[in-house]
């Protein structure tokens, strides 16, 4: 479902990125294919320096369909940035990609908190965040972070995923699956 970023995926990803249903909501905007290749190379180098973590989301045939990233890593936390191409909306890829990414972040890379800043007008992302049982809206209790992301106006909602909440969710899910197996 996820793989390390590779310049070879740029053509397929750029075609998905420029769709008007996707482009306004991505953090790293590229206005040309060459710019996208350049940004991808910069992203790969930044990961090597430990500044971010970036993966390409692939479908069941290994074709690139989007990216998932942890930006601005500091104090075992960072900001999530995810986009998926329009042809893949509503097919469950977002949740599968996030679960795989969170497993890597929390249990392999020792990240403790993942923040998501979601534009208040981005209803699709807001609804997707609310579907995640381990995700909480943090506008009220992470004032410093909330004020930081809204320094230029009240634009974003702040969500967070804590390692402990995510781990608890995994344990509950596993326990429910075991009960379902016993009942079957």
C-alpha atoms as a PDB file:
ATOM      1  CA  UNK A   1       0.000   0.000   0.000  1.00  0.00           C
ATOM      2  CA  UNK A   2       2.925   2.372   0.692  1.00  0.00           C
ATOM      3  CA  UNK A   3       6.383   2.654  -0.766  1.00  0.00           C
ATOM      4  CA  UNK A   4       9.286   5.072  -0.507  1.00  0.00           C
ATOM      5  CA  UNK A   5       9.092   8.067  -2.812  1.00  0.00           C
ATOM      6  CA  UNK A   6      10.680   7.540  -6.228  1.00  0.00           C
ATOM      7  CA  UNK A   7      11.136   9.978  -9.098  1.00  0.00           C
ATOM      8  CA  UNK A   8       9.920   7.213 -11.433  1.00  0.00           C
ATOM      9  CA  UNK A   9       6.386   7.709 -10.027  1.00  0.00           C
ATOM     10  CA  UNK A  10       6.286  11.435 -10.834  1.00  0.00           C
ATOM     11  CA  UNK A  11       4.460  11.244 -14.157  1.00  0.00           C
ATOM     12  CA  UNK A  12       1.516   9.233 -12.781  1.00  0.00           C
ATOM     13  CA  UNK A  13       1.358  11.307  -9.588  1.00  0.00           C
ATOM     14  CA  UNK A  14       1.537  14.669 -11.369  1.00  0.00           C
ATOM     15  CA  UNK A  15      -1.426  13.768 -13.591  1.00  0.00           C
ATOM     16  CA  UNK A  16      -3.470  13.044 -10.441  1.00  0.00           C
ATOM     17  CA  UNK A  17      -2.163  16.081  -8.535  1.00  0.00           C
ATOM     18  CA  UNK A  18      -3.253  18.709 -11.070  1.00  0.00           C
ATOM     19  CA  UNK A  19      -6.920  17.707 -10.951  1.00  0.00           C
ATOM     20  CA  UNK A  20      -8.978  20.661  -9.621  1.00  0.00           C
ATOM     21  CA  UNK A  21     -10.552  18.355  -7.014  1.00  0.00           C
ATOM     22  CA  UNK A  22      -7.068  17.678  -5.567  1.00  0.00           C
ATOM     23  CA  UNK A  23      -4.694  20.551  -6.357  1.00  0.00           C
ATOM     24  CA  UNK A  24      -6.138  23.275  -4.079  1.00  0.00           C
ATOM     25  CA  UNK A  25      -5.760  21.019  -1.048  1.00  0.00           C
ATOM     26  CA  UNK A  26      -2.144  19.809  -1.401  1.00  0.00           C
ATOM     27  CA  UNK A  27       0.682  21.343   0.574  1.00  0.00           C
ATOM     28  CA  UNK A  28       3.414  20.972  -2.034  1.00  0.00           C
ATOM     29  CA  UNK A  29       1.980  22.601  -5.143  1.00  0.00           C
ATOM     30  CA  UNK A  30       3.756  22.029  -8.459  1.00  0.00           C
ATOM     31  CA  UNK A  31       2.570  23.974 -11.487  1.00  0.00           C
ATOM     32  CA  UNK A  32       4.523  21.904 -14.012  1.00  0.00           C
ATOM     33  CA  UNK A  33       5.797  18.358 -14.324  1.00  0.00           C
ATOM     34  CA  UNK A  34       9.417  19.544 -14.040  1.00  0.00           C
ATOM     35  CA  UNK A  35       8.592  21.423 -10.837  1.00  0.00           C
ATOM     36  CA  UNK A  36       6.953  18.282  -9.441  1.00  0.00           C
ATOM     37  CA  UNK A  37      10.076  16.220 -10.210  1.00  0.00           C
ATOM     38  CA  UNK A  38      12.188  18.880  -8.481  1.00  0.00           C
ATOM     39  CA  UNK A  39       9.884  18.884  -5.407  1.00  0.00           C
ATOM     40  CA  UNK A  40       9.981  15.083  -5.288  1.00  0.00           C
ATOM     41  CA  UNK A  41      13.790  15.102  -5.318  1.00  0.00           C
ATOM     42  CA  UNK A  42      13.779  17.720  -2.547  1.00  0.00           C
ATOM     43  CA  UNK A  43      11.340  15.579  -0.546  1.00  0.00           C
ATOM     44  CA  UNK A  44      13.558  12.506  -0.863  1.00  0.00           C
ATOM     45  CA  UNK A  45      16.597  14.531   0.266  1.00  0.00           C
ATOM     46  CA  UNK A  46      14.668  16.068   3.189  1.00  0.00           C
ATOM     47  CA  UNK A  47      13.680  12.589   4.355  1.00  0.00           C
ATOM     48  CA  UNK A  48      17.310  11.513   4.260  1.00  0.00           C
ATOM     49  CA  UNK A  49      18.046  14.479   6.575  1.00  0.00           C
ATOM     50  CA  UNK A  50      15.216  13.447   8.956  1.00  0.00           C
ATOM     51  CA  UNK A  51      13.091  16.537   8.274  1.00  0.00           C
ATOM     52  CA  UNK A  52      10.042  14.671   7.001  1.00  0.00           C
ATOM     53  CA  UNK A  53       8.718  11.221   6.152  1.00  0.00           C
ATOM     54  CA  UNK A  54       7.095  10.698   2.759  1.00  0.00           C
ATOM     55  CA  UNK A  55       5.536   7.675   1.071  1.00  0.00           C
ATOM     56  CA  UNK A  56       3.771   7.051  -2.215  1.00  0.00           C
ATOM     57  CA  UNK A  57       0.336   5.460  -1.867  1.00  0.00           C
ATOM     58  CA  UNK A  58      -0.156   2.653  -4.368  1.00  0.00           C
ATOM     59  CA  UNK A  59      -3.218   0.667  -5.330  1.00  0.00           C
ATOM     60  CA  UNK A  60      -3.484  -3.122  -5.271  1.00  0.00           C
ATOM     61  CA  UNK A  61      -1.585  -3.306  -8.597  1.00  0.00           C
ATOM     62  CA  UNK A  62       1.279  -1.132  -7.360  1.00  0.00           C
ATOM     63  CA  UNK A  63       0.264   1.953  -9.361  1.00  0.00           C
ATOM     64  CA  UNK A  64       0.862   5.331  -7.654  1.00  0.00           C
ATOM     65  CA  UNK A  65      -2.385   7.006  -6.586  1.00  0.00           C
ATOM     66  CA  UNK A  66      -1.243   9.692  -4.101  1.00  0.00           C
ATOM     67  CA  UNK A  67       1.186  10.563  -1.327  1.00  0.00           C
ATOM     68  CA  UNK A  68       1.201  10.583   2.452  1.00  0.00           C
ATOM     69  CA  UNK A  69       3.709  12.677   4.384  1.00  0.00           C
ATOM     70  CA  UNK A  70       4.712  13.779   7.850  1.00  0.00           C
ATOM     71  CA  UNK A  71       6.026  17.349   7.609  1.00  0.00           C
ATOM     72  CA  UNK A  72       7.658  19.676  10.140  1.00  0.00           C
ATOM     73  CA  UNK A  73       8.940  16.896  12.402  1.00  0.00           C
ATOM     74  CA  UNK A  74       9.841  18.251  15.825  1.00  0.00           C
ATOM     75  CA  UNK A  75       9.704  16.802  19.349  1.00  0.00           C
ATOM     76  CA  UNK A  76       8.435  13.402  18.099  1.00  0.00           C
ATOM     77  CA  UNK A  77       5.503  15.016  16.283  1.00  0.00           C
ATOM     78  CA  UNK A  78       4.689  16.382  12.867  1.00  0.00           C
ATOM     79  CA  UNK A  79       1.950  17.406  10.475  1.00  0.00           C
ATOM     80  CA  UNK A  80       0.241  14.899   8.203  1.00  0.00           C
ATOM     81  CA  UNK A  81      -0.286  15.721   4.557  1.00  0.00           C
ATOM     82  CA  UNK A  82      -2.183  13.249   2.386  1.00  0.00           C
ATOM     83  CA  UNK A  83      -3.652  13.436  -1.059  1.00  0.00           C
ATOM     84  CA  UNK A  84      -5.201  10.807  -3.294  1.00  0.00           C
ATOM     85  CA  UNK A  85      -6.131  11.215  -6.959  1.00  0.00           C
ATOM     86  CA  UNK A  86      -9.782  11.846  -7.780  1.00  0.00           C
ATOM     87  CA  UNK A  87     -10.364   8.482  -9.557  1.00  0.00           C
ATOM     88  CA  UNK A  88      -9.573   6.817  -6.216  1.00  0.00           C
ATOM     89  CA  UNK A  89     -11.863   8.914  -3.984  1.00  0.00           C
ATOM     90  CA  UNK A  90     -14.305   6.943  -1.859  1.00  0.00           C
ATOM     91  CA  UNK A  91     -12.672   3.559  -2.392  1.00  0.00           C
ATOM     92  CA  UNK A  92     -11.126   3.111   1.054  1.00  0.00           C
ATOM     93  CA  UNK A  93      -7.529   3.914   0.093  1.00  0.00           C
ATOM     94  CA  UNK A  94      -7.274   6.856   2.493  1.00  0.00           C
ATOM     95  CA  UNK A  95      -7.951   4.765   5.603  1.00  0.00           C
ATOM     96  CA  UNK A  96      -5.724   1.892   4.469  1.00  0.00           C
ATOM     97  CA  UNK A  97      -2.859   4.284   3.689  1.00  0.00           C
ATOM     98  CA  UNK A  98      -3.213   6.129   6.995  1.00  0.00           C
ATOM     99  CA  UNK A  99      -3.265   2.887   8.985  1.00  0.00           C
ATOM    100  CA  UNK A 100      -0.096   1.644   7.267  1.00  0.00           C
ATOM    101  CA  UNK A 101       1.611   5.022   7.702  1.00  0.00           C
ATOM    102  CA  UNK A 102       0.631   5.322  11.362  1.00  0.00           C
ATOM    103  CA  UNK A 103       1.932   1.814  12.039  1.00  0.00           C
ATOM    104  CA  UNK A 104       5.283   2.858  10.610  1.00  0.00           C
ATOM    105  CA  UNK A 105       5.354   6.243  12.356  1.00  0.00           C
ATOM    106  CA  UNK A 106       4.308   5.061  15.794  1.00  0.00           C
ATOM    107  CA  UNK A 107       5.890   1.624  16.018  1.00  0.00           C
ATOM    108  CA  UNK A 108       8.984   1.878  13.832  1.00  0.00           C
ATOM    109  CA  UNK A 109       9.962   5.554  13.824  1.00  0.00           C
ATOM    110  CA  UNK A 110       8.850   6.495  17.368  1.00  0.00           C
ATOM    111  CA  UNK A 111       6.616   9.427  16.466  1.00  0.00           C
ATOM    112  CA  UNK A 112       4.279  10.264  19.372  1.00  0.00           C
ATOM    113  CA  UNK A 113       1.777  12.746  17.873  1.00  0.00           C
ATOM    114  CA  UNK A 114       0.524  13.341  14.354  1.00  0.00           C
ATOM    115  CA  UNK A 115      -1.258  16.632  13.724  1.00  0.00           C
ATOM    116  CA  UNK A 116      -3.568  17.344  10.823  1.00  0.00           C
ATOM    117  CA  UNK A 117      -4.460  20.848   9.763  1.00  0.00           C
ATOM    118  CA  UNK A 118      -7.525  20.753   7.585  1.00  0.00           C
ATOM    119  CA  UNK A 119      -8.910  23.782   5.811  1.00  0.00           C
ATOM    120  CA  UNK A 120     -12.322  24.572   7.215  1.00  0.00           C
ATOM    121  CA  UNK A 121     -13.821  24.567   3.692  1.00  0.00           C
ATOM    122  CA  UNK A 122     -12.312  21.140   2.878  1.00  0.00           C
ATOM    123  CA  UNK A 123     -15.375  19.102   3.776  1.00  0.00           C
ATOM    124  CA  UNK A 124     -13.999  15.857   2.231  1.00  0.00           C
ATOM    125  CA  UNK A 125     -10.906  15.854   4.472  1.00  0.00           C
ATOM    126  CA  UNK A 126     -12.883  16.964   7.525  1.00  0.00           C
ATOM    127  CA  UNK A 127     -15.293  14.044   7.086  1.00  0.00           C
ATOM    128  CA  UNK A 128     -12.402  11.612   6.507  1.00  0.00           C
ATOM    129  CA  UNK A 129     -10.705  12.745   9.746  1.00  0.00           C
ATOM    130  CA  UNK A 130     -13.950  12.335  11.692  1.00  0.00           C
ATOM    131  CA  UNK A 131     -14.225   8.725  10.470  1.00  0.00           C
ATOM    132  CA  UNK A 132     -10.934   7.820  12.147  1.00  0.00           C
ATOM    133  CA  UNK A 133     -11.853   6.517  15.627  1.00  0.00           C
ATOM    134  CA  UNK A 134      -8.409   7.418  17.037  1.00  0.00           C
ATOM    135  CA  UNK A 135      -8.447  11.013  15.774  1.00  0.00           C
ATOM    136  CA  UNK A 136      -9.603  13.960  17.887  1.00  0.00           C
ATOM    137  CA  UNK A 137     -10.235  17.585  17.045  1.00  0.00           C
ATOM    138  CA  UNK A 138      -7.652  19.581  18.981  1.00  0.00           C
ATOM    139  CA  UNK A 139      -8.689  23.220  18.416  1.00  0.00           C
ATOM    140  CA  UNK A 140      -9.616  23.671  22.089  1.00  0.00           C
ATOM    141  CA  UNK A 141      -6.761  21.945  23.923  1.00  0.00           C
ATOM    142  CA  UNK A 142      -3.740  22.542  21.650  1.00  0.00           C
ATOM    143  CA  UNK A 143      -4.048  26.337  21.648  1.00  0.00           C
ATOM    144  CA  UNK A 144      -0.401  26.989  20.786  1.00  0.00           C
ATOM    145  CA  UNK A 145      -0.436  24.738  17.730  1.00  0.00           C
ATOM    146  CA  UNK A 146      -3.911  25.942  16.697  1.00  0.00           C
ATOM    147  CA  UNK A 147      -2.838  29.592  16.916  1.00  0.00           C
ATOM    148  CA  UNK A 148       0.345  28.823  14.972  1.00  0.00           C
ATOM    149  CA  UNK A 149      -1.467  27.217  12.013  1.00  0.00           C
ATOM    150  CA  UNK A 150      -4.035  30.033  11.993  1.00  0.00           C
ATOM    151  CA  UNK A 151      -1.581  32.925  12.356  1.00  0.00           C
ATOM    152  CA  UNK A 152      -2.878  34.477   9.106  1.00  0.00           C
ATOM    153  CA  UNK A 153      -6.580  34.001   9.826  1.00  0.00           C
ATOM    154  CA  UNK A 154      -9.041  31.374  11.045  1.00  0.00           C
ATOM    155  CA  UNK A 155      -8.461  28.939   8.162  1.00  0.00           C
ATOM    156  CA  UNK A 156      -7.759  25.519   9.675  1.00  0.00           C
ATOM    157  CA  UNK A 157      -9.208  22.989  12.091  1.00  0.00           C
ATOM    158  CA  UNK A 158      -6.569  21.095  14.044  1.00  0.00           C
ATOM    159  CA  UNK A 159      -6.813  17.344  14.554  1.00  0.00           C
ATOM    160  CA  UNK A 160      -4.409  15.050  16.351  1.00  0.00           C
ATOM    161  CA  UNK A 161      -3.622  11.362  16.540  1.00  0.00           C
ATOM    162  CA  UNK A 162      -1.704  10.267  19.610  1.00  0.00           C
ATOM    163  CA  UNK A 163       0.322   7.057  19.585  1.00  0.00           C
ATOM    164  CA  UNK A 164      -1.486   5.791  22.704  1.00  0.00           C
ATOM    165  CA  UNK A 165      -4.954   6.408  21.203  1.00  0.00           C
ATOM    166  CA  UNK A 166      -3.956   4.692  17.976  1.00  0.00           C
ATOM    167  CA  UNK A 167      -2.481   1.729  19.860  1.00  0.00           C
ATOM    168  CA  UNK A 168      -5.630   1.437  22.002  1.00  0.00           C
ATOM    169  CA  UNK A 169      -7.727   1.443  18.811  1.00  0.00           C
ATOM    170  CA  UNK A 170      -5.612  -1.397  17.380  1.00  0.00           C
ATOM    171  CA  UNK A 171      -5.984  -3.459  20.558  1.00  0.00           C
ATOM    172  CA  UNK A 172      -9.781  -2.937  20.598  1.00  0.00           C
ATOM    173  CA  UNK A 173     -10.063  -3.885  16.936  1.00  0.00           C
ATOM    174  CA  UNK A 174      -7.995  -7.016  17.489  1.00  0.00           C
ATOM    175  CA  UNK A 175     -10.119  -7.961  20.511  1.00  0.00           C
ATOM    176  CA  UNK A 176     -13.359  -7.442  18.524  1.00  0.00           C
ATOM    177  CA  UNK A 177     -12.019  -9.607  15.691  1.00  0.00           C
ATOM    178  CA  UNK A 178     -11.154 -12.385  18.158  1.00  0.00           C
ATOM    179  CA  UNK A 179     -14.686 -12.247  19.618  1.00  0.00           C
ATOM    180  CA  UNK A 180     -16.177 -12.408  16.116  1.00  0.00           C
ATOM    181  CA  UNK A 181     -14.077 -15.498  15.329  1.00  0.00           C
ATOM    182  CA  UNK A 182     -15.165 -17.230  18.559  1.00  0.00           C
ATOM    183  CA  UNK A 183     -18.831 -16.457  17.847  1.00  0.00           C
ATOM    184  CA  UNK A 184     -18.627 -17.764  14.276  1.00  0.00           C
END
